[in-house]
N, C-alpha and C. Protein backbone atom coordinates (compact mmCIF):
# COMPACT_ATOMS: atom_id res chain seq x y z
N MET A 1 11.67 -63.26 -14.07
CA MET A 1 11.61 -62.84 -12.65
C MET A 1 12.17 -63.78 -11.75
N THR A 2 11.34 -64.56 -10.96
CA THR A 2 11.83 -65.59 -10.04
C THR A 2 11.79 -67.04 -10.52
N GLY A 3 11.02 -67.24 -11.58
CA GLY A 3 10.90 -68.59 -12.12
C GLY A 3 9.71 -69.30 -11.46
N ASP A 4 9.19 -68.74 -10.32
CA ASP A 4 8.00 -69.32 -9.63
C ASP A 4 6.80 -68.61 -10.11
N PRO A 5 5.89 -69.26 -10.90
CA PRO A 5 4.68 -68.63 -11.39
C PRO A 5 3.87 -67.98 -10.36
N LEU A 6 3.73 -68.57 -9.24
CA LEU A 6 2.82 -67.98 -8.18
C LEU A 6 3.45 -66.71 -7.69
N LYS A 7 4.74 -66.66 -7.48
CA LYS A 7 5.40 -65.39 -7.05
C LYS A 7 5.36 -64.36 -8.12
N GLU A 8 5.45 -64.72 -9.31
CA GLU A 8 5.42 -63.83 -10.43
C GLU A 8 4.02 -63.18 -10.52
N GLN A 9 2.99 -64.01 -10.43
CA GLN A 9 1.62 -63.49 -10.37
C GLN A 9 1.41 -62.56 -9.20
N PHE A 10 2.02 -62.90 -8.08
CA PHE A 10 1.86 -62.03 -6.86
C PHE A 10 2.43 -60.62 -7.13
N VAL A 11 3.64 -60.59 -7.75
CA VAL A 11 4.31 -59.30 -8.02
C VAL A 11 3.41 -58.53 -8.92
N LEU A 12 2.84 -59.10 -9.94
CA LEU A 12 1.99 -58.37 -10.94
C LEU A 12 0.76 -57.85 -10.15
N GLU A 13 0.13 -58.63 -9.42
CA GLU A 13 -1.08 -58.26 -8.64
C GLU A 13 -0.68 -57.23 -7.62
N ALA A 14 0.38 -57.35 -6.97
CA ALA A 14 0.85 -56.46 -5.89
C ALA A 14 1.02 -55.02 -6.43
N ARG A 15 1.61 -54.97 -7.59
CA ARG A 15 1.79 -53.64 -8.30
C ARG A 15 0.40 -52.95 -8.54
N GLU A 16 -0.57 -53.65 -8.98
CA GLU A 16 -1.88 -53.12 -9.21
C GLU A 16 -2.53 -52.73 -7.84
N LEU A 17 -2.37 -53.57 -6.91
CA LEU A 17 -3.00 -53.24 -5.61
C LEU A 17 -2.36 -52.01 -4.95
N LEU A 18 -1.00 -51.83 -5.14
CA LEU A 18 -0.36 -50.70 -4.58
C LEU A 18 -0.80 -49.40 -5.27
N VAL A 19 -1.06 -49.49 -6.55
CA VAL A 19 -1.58 -48.29 -7.29
C VAL A 19 -3.02 -47.97 -6.71
N GLU A 20 -3.84 -49.02 -6.57
CA GLU A 20 -5.16 -48.76 -5.98
C GLU A 20 -5.10 -48.18 -4.57
N LEU A 21 -4.13 -48.73 -3.77
CA LEU A 21 -3.99 -48.21 -2.45
C LEU A 21 -3.55 -46.77 -2.47
N GLU A 22 -2.54 -46.47 -3.39
CA GLU A 22 -2.09 -45.04 -3.39
C GLU A 22 -3.23 -44.06 -3.82
N THR A 23 -4.02 -44.50 -4.78
CA THR A 23 -5.09 -43.73 -5.29
C THR A 23 -6.08 -43.49 -4.09
N SER A 24 -6.41 -44.60 -3.40
CA SER A 24 -7.40 -44.38 -2.28
C SER A 24 -6.86 -43.46 -1.20
N LEU A 25 -5.58 -43.60 -0.92
CA LEU A 25 -5.02 -42.81 0.11
C LEU A 25 -4.93 -41.29 -0.28
N LEU A 26 -4.65 -41.08 -1.55
CA LEU A 26 -4.62 -39.72 -1.98
C LEU A 26 -6.03 -39.08 -2.02
N ASP A 27 -7.03 -39.91 -2.31
CA ASP A 27 -8.38 -39.46 -2.26
C ASP A 27 -8.77 -39.16 -0.89
N LEU A 28 -8.33 -39.98 0.08
CA LEU A 28 -8.61 -39.67 1.54
C LEU A 28 -7.98 -38.46 2.00
N GLU A 29 -6.74 -38.17 1.48
CA GLU A 29 -6.09 -36.92 1.95
C GLU A 29 -6.90 -35.72 1.43
N ALA A 30 -7.43 -35.76 0.28
CA ALA A 30 -8.23 -34.73 -0.32
C ALA A 30 -9.64 -34.58 0.30
N THR A 31 -10.22 -35.75 0.55
CA THR A 31 -11.61 -35.82 1.10
C THR A 31 -11.64 -36.81 2.29
N PRO A 32 -11.19 -36.37 3.46
CA PRO A 32 -11.16 -37.25 4.66
C PRO A 32 -12.53 -37.86 4.92
N ASN A 33 -12.53 -39.00 5.49
CA ASN A 33 -13.77 -39.80 5.93
C ASN A 33 -14.59 -40.21 4.74
N ARG A 34 -14.09 -40.24 3.57
CA ARG A 34 -14.93 -40.72 2.47
C ARG A 34 -14.92 -42.28 2.53
N VAL A 35 -16.06 -42.75 2.80
CA VAL A 35 -16.31 -44.23 3.08
C VAL A 35 -15.83 -45.07 1.95
N GLU A 36 -16.12 -44.72 0.71
CA GLU A 36 -15.72 -45.49 -0.44
C GLU A 36 -14.23 -45.65 -0.53
N SER A 37 -13.47 -44.58 -0.26
CA SER A 37 -12.07 -44.63 -0.33
C SER A 37 -11.42 -45.44 0.83
N ILE A 38 -12.02 -45.34 1.96
CA ILE A 38 -11.60 -46.10 3.11
C ILE A 38 -11.73 -47.64 2.81
N GLY A 39 -12.93 -48.00 2.24
CA GLY A 39 -13.15 -49.39 1.86
C GLY A 39 -12.17 -49.91 0.85
N ARG A 40 -11.91 -49.04 -0.21
CA ARG A 40 -10.99 -49.46 -1.24
C ARG A 40 -9.58 -49.68 -0.68
N ALA A 41 -9.16 -48.80 0.20
CA ALA A 41 -7.85 -48.88 0.85
C ALA A 41 -7.71 -50.20 1.68
N PHE A 42 -8.75 -50.46 2.43
CA PHE A 42 -8.67 -51.65 3.24
C PHE A 42 -8.74 -52.88 2.46
N ARG A 43 -9.60 -52.95 1.32
CA ARG A 43 -9.60 -54.11 0.46
C ARG A 43 -8.31 -54.42 -0.20
N ALA A 44 -7.66 -53.30 -0.63
CA ALA A 44 -6.32 -53.47 -1.32
C ALA A 44 -5.27 -54.01 -0.33
N MET A 45 -5.35 -53.50 0.88
CA MET A 45 -4.25 -54.05 1.88
C MET A 45 -4.63 -55.41 2.26
N HIS A 46 -5.93 -55.75 2.44
CA HIS A 46 -6.29 -57.12 2.83
C HIS A 46 -5.95 -58.12 1.72
N THR A 47 -6.20 -57.75 0.51
CA THR A 47 -5.88 -58.63 -0.64
C THR A 47 -4.41 -58.84 -0.80
N LEU A 48 -3.61 -57.71 -0.60
CA LEU A 48 -2.13 -57.74 -0.67
C LEU A 48 -1.59 -58.68 0.41
N LYS A 49 -2.13 -58.58 1.57
CA LYS A 49 -1.69 -59.43 2.72
C LYS A 49 -1.96 -60.92 2.42
N GLY A 50 -3.17 -61.21 2.00
CA GLY A 50 -3.52 -62.58 1.69
C GLY A 50 -2.75 -63.17 0.51
N SER A 51 -2.62 -62.40 -0.52
CA SER A 51 -1.84 -62.85 -1.68
C SER A 51 -0.35 -63.12 -1.37
N GLY A 52 0.18 -62.22 -0.45
CA GLY A 52 1.54 -62.39 -0.11
C GLY A 52 1.77 -63.61 0.70
N ALA A 53 0.78 -63.94 1.60
CA ALA A 53 0.95 -65.15 2.38
C ALA A 53 0.82 -66.40 1.49
N MET A 54 -0.05 -66.36 0.50
CA MET A 54 -0.18 -67.53 -0.44
C MET A 54 1.06 -67.69 -1.21
N ALA A 55 1.77 -66.64 -1.51
CA ALA A 55 2.98 -66.67 -2.31
C ALA A 55 4.22 -67.03 -1.49
N GLY A 56 4.04 -67.08 -0.19
CA GLY A 56 5.13 -67.51 0.70
C GLY A 56 5.79 -66.32 1.33
N TYR A 57 5.19 -65.15 1.22
CA TYR A 57 5.80 -63.95 1.86
C TYR A 57 5.07 -63.63 3.16
N ASP A 58 5.29 -64.40 4.20
CA ASP A 58 4.65 -64.19 5.41
C ASP A 58 5.19 -63.05 6.21
């Protein structure tokens, strides 16, 4: 990939987080206002944002 282990780890984690986010959003589309899905979506986005910043993707 990039040769930078931190960035490589970020890419792997980001893929998983995006799958989690997609699943949560599809669940919300089917069942609006489902608190668990809202929480999962926000956690995935928050983690993605923090991990991206740590990897240098501000």
